[in-house]
């Protein structure tokens, strides 16, 4: 092995967890700070603890509720298409009536002369 290229190894390095647990292990750092360890991790404890960081869970639930409310008021694409088709059909009827009315007016004006 080459000299002076390897980091210093600490056989009694302290590992400190956020839950307060401390233990020793070998590492290149003297002190290691961790958020989870075998004492507080849900996999090892069998208990699931929900950590809500910056209200993310609440925000997600709020978004889901808002989407449900919006979906109840929506009619859907089919309803929208049928409404548009009905509107177009009504416009065609109005156009047809106006054209026939105009044609009748022309005929009556010709017959009057």
PDB file of N, CA and C in Angstrom:
ATOM      1  N   UNK A   1       0.829  -1.186   0.000  1.00  0.00           N
ATOM      2  CA  UNK A   1       0.000   0.000   0.000  1.00  0.00           C
ATOM      3  C   UNK A   1       0.873   1.248   0.000  1.00  0.00           C
ATOM      4  N   UNK A   2       0.405   2.275  -0.680  1.00  0.00           N
ATOM      5  CA  UNK A   2       1.145   3.527  -0.704  1.00  0.00           C
ATOM      6  C   UNK A   2       0.926   4.276   0.592  1.00  0.00           C
ATOM      7  N   UNK A   3       1.933   4.983   1.010  1.00  0.00           N
ATOM      8  CA  UNK A   3       1.838   5.754   2.243  1.00  0.00           C
ATOM      9  C   UNK A   3       1.236   7.127   1.953  1.00  0.00           C
ATOM     10  N   UNK A   4       0.568   7.700   2.940  1.00  0.00           N
ATOM     11  CA  UNK A   4       0.026   9.056   2.937  1.00  0.00           C
ATOM     12  C   UNK A   4      -1.096   9.313   1.917  1.00  0.00           C
ATOM     13  N   UNK A   5      -1.722   8.274   1.389  1.00  0.00           N
ATOM     14  CA  UNK A   5      -2.859   8.516   0.494  1.00  0.00           C
ATOM     15  C   UNK A   5      -4.166   8.019   1.108  1.00  0.00           C
ATOM     16  N   UNK A   6      -4.095   7.252   2.171  1.00  0.00           N
ATOM     17  CA  UNK A   6      -5.286   6.692   2.788  1.00  0.00           C
ATOM     18  C   UNK A   6      -5.772   7.589   3.922  1.00  0.00           C
ATOM     19  N   UNK A   7      -7.095   7.720   4.081  1.00  0.00           N
ATOM     20  CA  UNK A   7      -7.611   8.546   5.176  1.00  0.00           C
ATOM     21  C   UNK A   7      -7.365   7.867   6.518  1.00  0.00           C
ATOM     22  N   UNK A   8      -7.385   8.652   7.566  1.00  0.00           N
ATOM     23  CA  UNK A   8      -7.170   8.115   8.903  1.00  0.00           C
ATOM     24  C   UNK A   8      -8.406   7.322   9.316  1.00  0.00           C
ATOM     25  N   UNK A   9      -8.185   6.153   9.885  1.00  0.00           N
ATOM     26  CA  UNK A   9      -9.277   5.271  10.300  1.00  0.00           C
ATOM     27  C   UNK A   9      -9.453   5.360  11.809  1.00  0.00           C
ATOM     28  N   UNK A  10     -10.690   5.573  12.254  1.00  0.00           N
ATOM     29  CA  UNK A  10     -11.012   5.638  13.678  1.00  0.00           C
ATOM     30  C   UNK A  10     -11.795   4.380  14.053  1.00  0.00           C
ATOM     31  N   UNK A  11     -11.172   3.465  14.785  1.00  0.00           N
ATOM     32  CA  UNK A  11     -11.867   2.217  15.137  1.00  0.00           C
ATOM     33  C   UNK A  11     -12.989   2.429  16.159  1.00  0.00           C
ATOM     34  N   UNK A  12     -12.963   3.510  16.920  1.00  0.00           N
ATOM     35  CA  UNK A  12     -13.992   3.771  17.926  1.00  0.00           C
ATOM     36  C   UNK A  12     -14.768   5.050  17.594  1.00  0.00           C
ATOM     37  N   UNK A  13     -15.241   5.159  16.373  1.00  0.00           N
ATOM     38  CA  UNK A  13     -16.006   6.336  15.952  1.00  0.00           C
ATOM     39  C   UNK A  13     -17.391   6.299  16.594  1.00  0.00           C
ATOM     40  N   UNK A  14     -17.889   7.457  17.038  1.00  0.00           N
ATOM     41  CA  UNK A  14     -19.198   7.561  17.698  1.00  0.00           C
ATOM     42  C   UNK A  14     -20.267   7.874  16.644  1.00  0.00           C
ATOM     43  N   UNK A  15     -21.339   7.121  16.682  1.00  0.00           N
ATOM     44  CA  UNK A  15     -22.493   7.368  15.822  1.00  0.00           C
ATOM     45  C   UNK A  15     -23.622   7.848  16.717  1.00  0.00           C
ATOM     46  N   UNK A  16     -24.131   9.061  16.444  1.00  0.00           N
ATOM     47  CA  UNK A  16     -25.214   9.637  17.236  1.00  0.00           C
ATOM     48  C   UNK A  16     -26.460   9.756  16.364  1.00  0.00           C
ATOM     49  N   UNK A  17     -27.558   9.209  16.891  1.00  0.00           N
ATOM     50  CA  UNK A  17     -28.829   9.256  16.170  1.00  0.00           C
ATOM     51  C   UNK A  17     -29.683  10.401  16.709  1.00  0.00           C
ATOM     52  N   UNK A  18     -30.639  10.844  15.904  1.00  0.00           N
ATOM     53  CA  UNK A  18     -31.544  11.911  16.321  1.00  0.00           C
ATOM     54  C   UNK A  18     -32.444  11.457  17.468  1.00  0.00           C
ATOM     55  N   UNK A  19     -32.658  10.154  17.611  1.00  0.00           N
ATOM     56  CA  UNK A  19     -33.508   9.652  18.692  1.00  0.00           C
ATOM     57  C   UNK A  19     -32.768   9.618  20.026  1.00  0.00           C
ATOM     58  N   UNK A  20     -31.457   9.847  20.006  1.00  0.00           N
ATOM     59  CA  UNK A  20     -30.667   9.860  21.235  1.00  0.00           C
ATOM     60  C   UNK A  20     -29.782   8.637  21.405  1.00  0.00           C
ATOM     61  N   UNK A  21     -29.938   7.658  20.556  1.00  0.00           N
ATOM     62  CA  UNK A  21     -29.125   6.445  20.635  1.00  0.00           C
ATOM     63  C   UNK A  21     -27.701   6.735  20.151  1.00  0.00           C
ATOM     64  N   UNK A  22     -26.710   6.164  20.846  1.00  0.00           N
ATOM     65  CA  UNK A  22     -25.306   6.301  20.454  1.00  0.00           C
ATOM     66  C   UNK A  22     -24.652   4.927  20.470  1.00  0.00           C
ATOM     67  N   UNK A  23     -23.765   4.699  19.502  1.00  0.00           N
ATOM     68  CA  UNK A  23     -22.985   3.460  19.486  1.00  0.00           C
ATOM     69  C   UNK A  23     -21.664   3.717  18.783  1.00  0.00           C
ATOM     70  N   UNK A  24     -20.755   2.760  18.912  1.00  0.00           N
ATOM     71  CA  UNK A  24     -19.419   2.892  18.320  1.00  0.00           C
ATOM     72  C   UNK A  24     -19.279   1.957  17.136  1.00  0.00           C
ATOM     73  N   UNK A  25     -18.512   2.426  16.163  1.00  0.00           N
ATOM     74  CA  UNK A  25     -18.207   1.625  14.987  1.00  0.00           C
ATOM     75  C   UNK A  25     -16.897   2.132  14.396  1.00  0.00           C
ATOM     76  N   UNK A  26     -16.389   1.479  13.396  1.00  0.00           N
ATOM     77  CA  UNK A  26     -15.170   1.932  12.738  1.00  0.00           C
ATOM     78  C   UNK A  26     -15.508   2.794  11.537  1.00  0.00           C
ATOM     79  N   UNK A  27     -14.814   3.924  11.393  1.00  0.00           N
ATOM     80  CA  UNK A  27     -15.096   4.828  10.286  1.00  0.00           C
ATOM     81  C   UNK A  27     -13.915   5.762  10.055  1.00  0.00           C
ATOM     82  N   UNK A  28     -13.968   6.486   8.958  1.00  0.00           N
ATOM     83  CA  UNK A  28     -12.948   7.492   8.678  1.00  0.00           C
ATOM     84  C   UNK A  28     -13.317   8.837   9.300  1.00  0.00           C
ATOM     85  N   UNK A  29     -14.496   8.927   9.911  1.00  0.00           N
ATOM     86  CA  UNK A  29     -14.925  10.122  10.632  1.00  0.00           C
ATOM     87  C   UNK A  29     -14.959   9.813  12.123  1.00  0.00           C
ATOM     88  N   UNK A  30     -14.601  10.784  12.952  1.00  0.00           N
ATOM     89  CA  UNK A  30     -14.615  10.560  14.403  1.00  0.00           C
ATOM     90  C   UNK A  30     -16.037  10.508  14.942  1.00  0.00           C
ATOM     91  N   UNK A  31     -16.901  11.352  14.410  1.00  0.00           N
ATOM     92  CA  UNK A  31     -18.278  11.418  14.896  1.00  0.00           C
ATOM     93  C   UNK A  31     -19.235  11.491  13.708  1.00  0.00           C
ATOM     94  N   UNK A  32     -20.272  10.655  13.738  1.00  0.00           N
ATOM     95  CA  UNK A  32     -21.252  10.607  12.656  1.00  0.00           C
ATOM     96  C   UNK A  32     -22.628  10.900  13.247  1.00  0.00           C
ATOM     97  N   UNK A  33     -23.359  11.824  12.648  1.00  0.00           N
ATOM     98  CA  UNK A  33     -24.726  12.137  13.068  1.00  0.00           C
ATOM     99  C   UNK A  33     -25.700  11.596  12.025  1.00  0.00           C
ATOM    100  N   UNK A  34     -26.665  10.786  12.483  1.00  0.00           N
ATOM    101  CA  UNK A  34     -27.652  10.194  11.586  1.00  0.00           C
ATOM    102  C   UNK A  34     -29.064  10.513  12.077  1.00  0.00           C
ATOM    103  N   UNK A  35     -30.037  10.422  11.174  1.00  0.00           N
ATOM    104  CA  UNK A  35     -31.428  10.677  11.539  1.00  0.00           C
ATOM    105  C   UNK A  35     -32.121   9.406  12.007  1.00  0.00           C
ATOM    106  N   UNK A  36     -31.760   8.270  11.435  1.00  0.00           N
ATOM    107  CA  UNK A  36     -32.387   6.995  11.783  1.00  0.00           C
ATOM    108  C   UNK A  36     -31.326   5.961  12.119  1.00  0.00           C
ATOM    109  N   UNK A  37     -31.656   5.095  13.073  1.00  0.00           N
ATOM    110  CA  UNK A  37     -30.765   3.995  13.421  1.00  0.00           C
ATOM    111  C   UNK A  37     -31.617   2.747  13.634  1.00  0.00           C
ATOM    112  N   UNK A  38     -30.997   1.652  14.036  1.00  0.00           N
ATOM    113  CA  UNK A  38     -31.733   0.405  14.221  1.00  0.00           C
ATOM    114  C   UNK A  38     -32.700   0.460  15.397  1.00  0.00           C
ATOM    115  N   UNK A  39     -32.531   1.415  16.287  1.00  0.00           N
ATOM    116  CA  UNK A  39     -33.430   1.536  17.438  1.00  0.00           C
ATOM    117  C   UNK A  39     -34.731   2.246  17.045  1.00  0.00           C
ATOM    118  N   UNK A  40     -34.656   3.210  16.149  1.00  0.00           N
ATOM    119  CA  UNK A  40     -35.842   3.996  15.815  1.00  0.00           C
ATOM    120  C   UNK A  40     -36.377   3.762  14.401  1.00  0.00           C
ATOM    121  N   UNK A  41     -35.697   2.991  13.562  1.00  0.00           N
ATOM    122  CA  UNK A  41     -36.165   2.757  12.199  1.00  0.00           C
ATOM    123  C   UNK A  41     -37.389   1.844  12.211  1.00  0.00           C
ATOM    124  N   UNK A  42     -38.443   2.178  11.446  1.00  0.00           N
ATOM    125  CA  UNK A  42     -39.670   1.380  11.454  1.00  0.00           C
ATOM    126  C   UNK A  42     -39.463  -0.073  11.036  1.00  0.00           C
ATOM    127  N   UNK A  43     -38.504  -0.343  10.178  1.00  0.00           N
ATOM    128  CA  UNK A  43     -38.261  -1.720   9.754  1.00  0.00           C
ATOM    129  C   UNK A  43     -37.836  -2.592  10.930  1.00  0.00           C
ATOM    130  N   UNK A  44     -37.018  -2.049  11.801  1.00  0.00           N
ATOM    131  CA  UNK A  44     -36.514  -2.813  12.935  1.00  0.00           C
ATOM    132  C   UNK A  44     -37.474  -2.785  14.125  1.00  0.00           C
ATOM    133  N   UNK A  45     -38.217  -1.705  14.289  1.00  0.00           N
ATOM    134  CA  UNK A  45     -39.100  -1.582  15.449  1.00  0.00           C
ATOM    135  C   UNK A  45     -40.467  -2.198  15.201  1.00  0.00           C
ATOM    136  N   UNK A  46     -40.892  -2.284  13.956  1.00  0.00           N
ATOM    137  CA  UNK A  46     -42.213  -2.812  13.648  1.00  0.00           C
ATOM    138  C   UNK A  46     -43.307  -1.766  13.786  1.00  0.00           C
ATOM    139  N   UNK A  47     -42.960  -0.558  14.167  1.00  0.00           N
ATOM    140  CA  UNK A  47     -43.922   0.532  14.308  1.00  0.00           C
ATOM    141  C   UNK A  47     -43.625   1.572  13.240  1.00  0.00           C
ATOM    142  N   UNK A  48     -44.690   2.034  12.618  1.00  0.00           N
ATOM    143  CA  UNK A  48     -44.491   3.058  11.601  1.00  0.00           C
ATOM    144  C   UNK A  48     -44.795   4.415  12.204  1.00  0.00           C
ATOM    145  N   UNK A  49     -43.841   5.300  12.121  1.00  0.00           N
ATOM    146  CA  UNK A  49     -43.987   6.651  12.642  1.00  0.00           C
ATOM    147  C   UNK A  49     -43.955   7.603  11.455  1.00  0.00           C
ATOM    148  N   UNK A  50     -45.007   8.384  11.321  1.00  0.00           N
ATOM    149  CA  UNK A  50     -45.107   9.301  10.205  1.00  0.00           C
ATOM    150  C   UNK A  50     -44.479  10.634  10.587  1.00  0.00           C
ATOM    151  N   UNK A  51     -43.472  11.018   9.828  1.00  0.00           N
ATOM    152  CA  UNK A  51     -42.814  12.297  10.061  1.00  0.00           C
ATOM    153  C   UNK A  51     -43.322  13.258   8.992  1.00  0.00           C
ATOM    154  N   UNK A  52     -44.072  14.243   9.401  1.00  0.00           N
ATOM    155  CA  UNK A  52     -44.641  15.208   8.466  1.00  0.00           C
ATOM    156  C   UNK A  52     -43.693  16.391   8.340  1.00  0.00           C
ATOM    157  N   UNK A  53     -42.916  16.382   7.280  1.00  0.00           N
ATOM    158  CA  UNK A  53     -41.952  17.445   7.056  1.00  0.00           C
ATOM    159  C   UNK A  53     -42.645  18.584   6.328  1.00  0.00           C
ATOM    160  N   UNK A  54     -42.732  19.701   6.972  1.00  0.00           N
ATOM    161  CA  UNK A  54     -43.290  20.934   6.395  1.00  0.00           C
ATOM    162  C   UNK A  54     -44.713  20.728   5.880  1.00  0.00           C
ATOM    163  N   UNK A  55     -45.539  20.006   6.608  1.00  0.00           N
ATOM    164  CA  UNK A  55     -46.956  19.781   6.316  1.00  0.00           C
ATOM    165  C   UNK A  55     -47.193  19.140   4.954  1.00  0.00           C
ATOM    166  N   UNK A  56     -46.315  18.332   4.459  1.00  0.00           N
ATOM    167  CA  UNK A  56     -46.472  17.763   3.120  1.00  0.00           C
ATOM    168  C   UNK A  56     -47.677  16.840   3.040  1.00  0.00           C
ATOM    169  N   UNK A  57     -47.885  16.047   4.078  1.00  0.00           N
ATOM    170  CA  UNK A  57     -49.014  15.125   4.073  1.00  0.00           C
ATOM    171  C   UNK A  57     -50.321  15.908   4.072  1.00  0.00           C
ATOM    172  N   UNK A  58     -50.413  16.946   4.885  1.00  0.00           N
ATOM    173  CA  UNK A  58     -51.624  17.770   4.934  1.00  0.00           C
ATOM    174  C   UNK A  58     -51.886  18.438   3.589  1.00  0.00           C
ATOM    175  N   UNK A  59     -50.836  18.942   2.961  1.00  0.00           N
ATOM    176  CA  UNK A  59     -50.988  19.586   1.661  1.00  0.00           C
ATOM    177  C   UNK A  59     -51.500  18.589   0.623  1.00  0.00           C
ATOM    178  N   UNK A  60     -50.963  17.369   0.658  1.00  0.00           N
ATOM    179  CA  UNK A  60     -51.378  16.347  -0.296  1.00  0.00           C
ATOM    180  C   UNK A  60     -52.849  15.998  -0.088  1.00  0.00           C
ATOM    181  N   UNK A  61     -53.252  15.802   1.162  1.00  0.00           N
ATOM    182  CA  UNK A  61     -54.651  15.473   1.453  1.00  0.00           C
ATOM    183  C   UNK A  61     -55.577  16.597   1.009  1.00  0.00           C
ATOM    184  N   UNK A  62     -55.146  17.831   1.195  1.00  0.00           N
ATOM    185  CA  UNK A  62     -55.947  18.980   0.793  1.00  0.00           C
ATOM    186  C   UNK A  62     -56.125  19.004  -0.727  1.00  0.00           C
ATOM    187  N   UNK A  63     -55.046  18.713  -1.464  1.00  0.00           N
ATOM    188  CA  UNK A  63     -55.122  18.685  -2.921  1.00  0.00           C
ATOM    189  C   UNK A  63     -56.080  17.602  -3.398  1.00  0.00           C
ATOM    190  N   UNK A  64     -56.022  16.425  -2.762  1.00  0.00           N
ATOM    191  CA  UNK A  64     -56.895  15.319  -3.145  1.00  0.00           C
ATOM    192  C   UNK A  64     -58.356  15.692  -2.905  1.00  0.00           C
ATOM    193  N   UNK A  65     -58.653  16.322  -1.772  1.00  0.00           N
ATOM    194  CA  UNK A  65     -60.021  16.749  -1.477  1.00  0.00           C
ATOM    195  C   UNK A  65     -60.513  17.775  -2.493  1.00  0.00           C
ATOM    196  N   UNK A  66     -59.647  18.716  -2.859  1.00  0.00           N
ATOM    197  CA  UNK A  66     -60.037  19.729  -3.840  1.00  0.00           C
ATOM    198  C   UNK A  66     -60.331  19.091  -5.194  1.00  0.00           C
ATOM    199  N   UNK A  67     -59.533  18.103  -5.587  1.00  0.00           N
ATOM    200  CA  UNK A  67     -59.761  17.428  -6.858  1.00  0.00           C
ATOM    201  C   UNK A  67     -61.079  16.668  -6.844  1.00  0.00           C
ATOM    202  N   UNK A  68     -61.420  16.056  -5.700  1.00  0.00           N
ATOM    203  CA  UNK A  68     -62.698  15.350  -5.592  1.00  0.00           C
ATOM    204  C   UNK A  68     -63.861  16.319  -5.736  1.00  0.00           C
ATOM    205  N   UNK A  69     -63.771  17.475  -5.087  1.00  0.00           N
ATOM    206  CA  UNK A  69     -64.829  18.478  -5.185  1.00  0.00           C
ATOM    207  C   UNK A  69     -64.986  18.970  -6.618  1.00  0.00           C
ATOM    208  N   UNK A  70     -63.878  19.208  -7.281  1.00  0.00           N
ATOM    209  CA  UNK A  70     -63.921  19.683  -8.664  1.00  0.00           C
ATOM    210  C   UNK A  70     -64.510  18.610  -9.574  1.00  0.00           C
ATOM    211  N   UNK A  71     -64.145  17.352  -9.334  1.00  0.00           N
ATOM    212  CA  UNK A  71     -64.647  16.273 -10.183  1.00  0.00           C
ATOM    213  C   UNK A  71     -66.154  16.091 -10.023  1.00  0.00           C
ATOM    214  N   UNK A  72     -66.709  16.432  -8.861  1.00  0.00           N
ATOM    215  CA  UNK A  72     -68.155  16.336  -8.670  1.00  0.00           C
ATOM    216  C   UNK A  72     -68.895  17.403  -9.471  1.00  0.00           C
ATOM    217  N   UNK A  73     -68.302  18.568  -9.622  1.00  0.00           N
ATOM    218  CA  UNK A  73     -68.955  19.647 -10.361  1.00  0.00           C
ATOM    219  C   UNK A  73     -68.753  19.522 -11.866  1.00  0.00           C
ATOM    220  N   UNK A  74     -67.759  18.802 -12.284  1.00  0.00           N
ATOM    221  CA  UNK A  74     -67.506  18.629 -13.711  1.00  0.00           C
ATOM    222  C   UNK A  74     -68.553  17.709 -14.319  1.00  0.00           C
ATOM    223  N   UNK A  75     -68.854  17.953 -15.575  1.00  0.00           N
ATOM    224  CA  UNK A  75     -69.833  17.130 -16.264  1.00  0.00           C
ATOM    225  C   UNK A  75     -69.169  16.095 -17.160  1.00  0.00           C
ATOM    226  N   UNK A  76     -67.964  16.338 -17.581  1.00  0.00           N
ATOM    227  CA  UNK A  76     -67.253  15.393 -18.422  1.00  0.00           C
ATOM    228  C   UNK A  76     -67.238  15.823 -19.873  1.00  0.00           C
ATOM    229  N   UNK A  77     -66.474  15.110 -20.667  1.00  0.00           N
ATOM    230  CA  UNK A  77     -66.312  15.457 -22.074  1.00  0.00           C
ATOM    231  C   UNK A  77     -67.586  15.180 -22.873  1.00  0.00           C
ATOM    232  N   UNK A  78     -68.269  14.063 -22.562  1.00  0.00           N
ATOM    233  CA  UNK A  78     -69.467  13.723 -23.322  1.00  0.00           C
ATOM    234  C   UNK A  78     -70.530  14.801 -23.174  1.00  0.00           C
ATOM    235  N   UNK A  79     -70.724  15.245 -21.955  1.00  0.00           N
ATOM    236  CA  UNK A  79     -71.726  16.284 -21.716  1.00  0.00           C
ATOM    237  C   UNK A  79     -71.338  17.571 -22.431  1.00  0.00           C
ATOM    238  N   UNK A  80     -70.062  17.872 -22.416  1.00  0.00           N
ATOM    239  CA  UNK A  80     -69.583  19.081 -23.083  1.00  0.00           C
ATOM    240  C   UNK A  80     -69.797  18.976 -24.596  1.00  0.00           C
ATOM    241  N   UNK A  81     -69.483  17.807 -25.169  1.00  0.00           N
ATOM    242  CA  UNK A  81     -69.637  17.617 -26.609  1.00  0.00           C
ATOM    243  C   UNK A  81     -71.104  17.671 -27.020  1.00  0.00           C
ATOM    244  N   UNK A  82     -71.974  17.055 -26.226  1.00  0.00           N
ATOM    245  CA  UNK A  82     -73.396  17.081 -26.567  1.00  0.00           C
ATOM    246  C   UNK A  82     -73.953  18.498 -26.467  1.00  0.00           C
ATOM    247  N   UNK A  83     -73.478  19.267 -25.491  1.00  0.00           N
ATOM    248  CA  UNK A  83     -73.923  20.655 -25.361  1.00  0.00           C
ATOM    249  C   UNK A  83     -73.479  21.473 -26.568  1.00  0.00           C
ATOM    250  N   UNK A  84     -72.255  21.255 -27.012  1.00  0.00           N
ATOM    251  CA  UNK A  84     -71.744  21.970 -28.185  1.00  0.00           C
ATOM    252  C   UNK A  84     -72.520  21.562 -29.430  1.00  0.00           C
ATOM    253  N   UNK A  85     -72.792  20.255 -29.565  1.00  0.00           N
ATOM    254  CA  UNK A  85     -73.543  19.767 -30.723  1.00  0.00           C
ATOM    255  C   UNK A  85     -74.957  20.345 -30.729  1.00  0.00           C
ATOM    256  N   UNK A  86     -75.586  20.413 -29.557  1.00  0.00           N
ATOM    257  CA  UNK A  86     -76.936  20.983 -29.469  1.00  0.00           C
ATOM    258  C   UNK A  86     -76.916  22.461 -29.852  1.00  0.00           C
ATOM    259  N   UNK A  87     -75.896  23.167 -29.413  1.00  0.00           N
ATOM    260  CA  UNK A  87     -75.779  24.588 -29.725  1.00  0.00           C
ATOM    261  C   UNK A  87     -75.603  24.795 -31.234  1.00  0.00           C
ATOM    262  N   UNK A  88     -74.780  23.945 -31.860  1.00  0.00           N
ATOM    263  CA  UNK A  88     -74.564  24.050 -33.304  1.00  0.00           C
ATOM    264  C   UNK A  88     -75.849  23.736 -34.066  1.00  0.00           C
ATOM    265  N   UNK A  89     -76.576  22.708 -33.597  1.00  0.00           N
ATOM    266  CA  UNK A  89     -77.830  22.350 -34.252  1.00  0.00           C
ATOM    267  C   UNK A  89     -78.833  23.495 -34.151  1.00  0.00           C
ATOM    268  N   UNK A  90     -78.875  24.145 -33.002  1.00  0.00           N
ATOM    269  CA  UNK A  90     -79.774  25.287 -32.810  1.00  0.00           C
ATOM    270  C   UNK A  90     -79.395  26.437 -33.740  1.00  0.00           C
ATOM    271  N   UNK A  91     -78.085  26.669 -33.879  1.00  0.00           N
ATOM    272  CA  UNK A  91     -77.626  27.727 -34.775  1.00  0.00           C
ATOM    273  C   UNK A  91     -78.005  27.421 -36.221  1.00  0.00           C
ATOM    274  N   UNK A  92     -77.920  26.143 -36.604  1.00  0.00           N
ATOM    275  CA  UNK A  92     -78.289  25.747 -37.966  1.00  0.00           C
ATOM    276  C   UNK A  92     -79.774  25.993 -38.203  1.00  0.00           C
ATOM    277  N   UNK A  93     -80.588  25.674 -37.179  1.00  0.00           N
ATOM    278  CA  UNK A  93     -82.025  25.904 -37.311  1.00  0.00           C
ATOM    279  C   UNK A  93     -82.315  27.388 -37.487  1.00  0.00           C
ATOM    280  N   UNK A  94     -81.642  28.202 -36.689  1.00  0.00           N
ATOM    281  CA  UNK A  94     -81.832  29.649 -36.780  1.00  0.00           C
ATOM    282  C   UNK A  94     -81.392  30.149 -38.151  1.00  0.00           C
ATOM    283  N   UNK A  95     -80.252  29.653 -38.633  1.00  0.00           N
ATOM    284  CA  UNK A  95     -79.765  30.048 -39.959  1.00  0.00           C
ATOM    285  C   UNK A  95     -80.734  29.595 -41.045  1.00  0.00           C
ATOM    286  N   UNK A  96     -81.233  28.363 -40.905  1.00  0.00           N
ATOM    287  CA  UNK A  96     -82.168  27.838 -41.902  1.00  0.00           C
ATOM    288  C   UNK A  96     -83.449  28.663 -41.912  1.00  0.00           C
ATOM    289  N   UNK A  97     -83.949  29.009 -40.726  1.00  0.00           N
ATOM    290  CA  UNK A  97     -85.167  29.819 -40.651  1.00  0.00           C
ATOM    291  C   UNK A  97     -84.936  31.196 -41.257  1.00  0.00           C
ATOM    292  N   UNK A  98     -83.801  31.781 -40.970  1.00  0.00           N
ATOM    293  CA  UNK A  98     -83.520  33.115 -41.504  1.00  0.00           C
ATOM    294  C   UNK A  98     -83.355  33.066 -43.020  1.00  0.00           C
ATOM    295  N   UNK A  99     -82.779  31.989 -43.517  1.00  0.00           N
ATOM    296  CA  UNK A  99     -82.608  31.861 -44.963  1.00  0.00           C
ATOM    297  C   UNK A  99     -83.957  31.643 -45.638  1.00  0.00           C
ATOM    298  N   UNK A 100     -84.781  30.783 -45.029  1.00  0.00           N
ATOM    299  CA  UNK A 100     -86.098  30.555 -45.626  1.00  0.00           C
ATOM    300  C   UNK A 100     -86.952  31.808 -45.520  1.00  0.00           C
ATOM    301  N   UNK A 101     -86.799  32.532 -44.429  1.00  0.00           N
ATOM    302  CA  UNK A 101     -87.525  33.801 -44.277  1.00  0.00           C
ATOM    303  C   UNK A 101     -87.073  34.807 -45.314  1.00  0.00           C
ATOM    304  N   UNK A 102     -85.793  34.846 -45.582  1.00  0.00           N
ATOM    305  CA  UNK A 102     -85.250  35.768 -46.581  1.00  0.00           C
ATOM    306  C   UNK A 102     -85.716  35.356 -47.975  1.00  0.00           C
ATOM    307  N   UNK A 103     -85.755  34.048 -48.226  1.00  0.00           N
ATOM    308  CA  UNK A 103     -86.196  33.553 -49.526  1.00  0.00           C
ATOM    309  C   UNK A 103     -87.671  33.879 -49.734  1.00  0.00           C
ATOM    310  N   UNK A 104     -88.483  33.709 -48.690  1.00  0.00           N
ATOM    311  CA  UNK A 104     -89.906  34.031 -48.798  1.00  0.00           C
ATOM    312  C   UNK A 104     -90.095  35.524 -49.028  1.00  0.00           C
ATOM    313  N   UNK A 105     -89.278  36.318 -48.368  1.00  0.00           N
ATOM    314  CA  UNK A 105     -89.371  37.764 -48.537  1.00  0.00           C
ATOM    315  C   UNK A 105     -89.039  38.152 -49.970  1.00  0.00           C
ATOM    316  N   UNK A 106     -88.071  37.480 -50.565  1.00  0.00           N
ATOM    317  CA  UNK A 106     -87.709  37.760 -51.956  1.00  0.00           C
ATOM    318  C   UNK A 106     -88.866  37.390 -52.882  1.00  0.00           C
ATOM    319  N   UNK A 107     -89.473  36.214 -52.606  1.00  0.00           N
ATOM    320  CA  UNK A 107     -90.566  35.760 -53.457  1.00  0.00           C
ATOM    321  C   UNK A 107     -91.746  36.719 -53.361  1.00  0.00           C
ATOM    322  N   UNK A 108     -92.038  37.132 -52.128  1.00  0.00           N
ATOM    323  CA  UNK A 108     -93.169  38.045 -51.954  1.00  0.00           C
ATOM    324  C   UNK A 108     -92.887  39.393 -52.584  1.00  0.00           C
ATOM    325  N   UNK A 109     -91.646  39.837 -52.521  1.00  0.00           N
ATOM    326  CA  UNK A 109     -91.314  41.125 -53.127  1.00  0.00           C
ATOM    327  C   UNK A 109     -91.380  41.037 -54.648  1.00  0.00           C
ATOM    328  N   UNK A 110     -91.059  39.885 -55.214  1.00  0.00           N
ATOM    329  CA  UNK A 110     -91.121  39.710 -56.662  1.00  0.00           C
ATOM    330  C   UNK A 110     -92.578  39.652 -57.116  1.00  0.00           C
ATOM    331  N   UNK A 111     -93.389  38.968 -56.325  1.00  0.00           N
ATOM    332  CA  UNK A 111     -94.790  38.829 -56.712  1.00  0.00           C
ATOM    333  C   UNK A 111     -95.549  40.137 -56.573  1.00  0.00           C
ATOM    334  N   UNK A 112     -95.121  40.994 -55.675  1.00  0.00           N
ATOM    335  CA  UNK A 112     -95.773  42.275 -55.475  1.00  0.00           C
ATOM    336  C   UNK A 112     -95.496  43.231 -56.619  1.00  0.00           C
ATOM    337  N   UNK A 113     -94.387  43.110 -57.270  1.00  0.00           N
ATOM    338  CA  UNK A 113     -94.018  44.020 -58.357  1.00  0.00           C
ATOM    339  C   UNK A 113     -94.787  43.688 -59.548  1.00  0.00           C
TER     340      UNK A 113
END
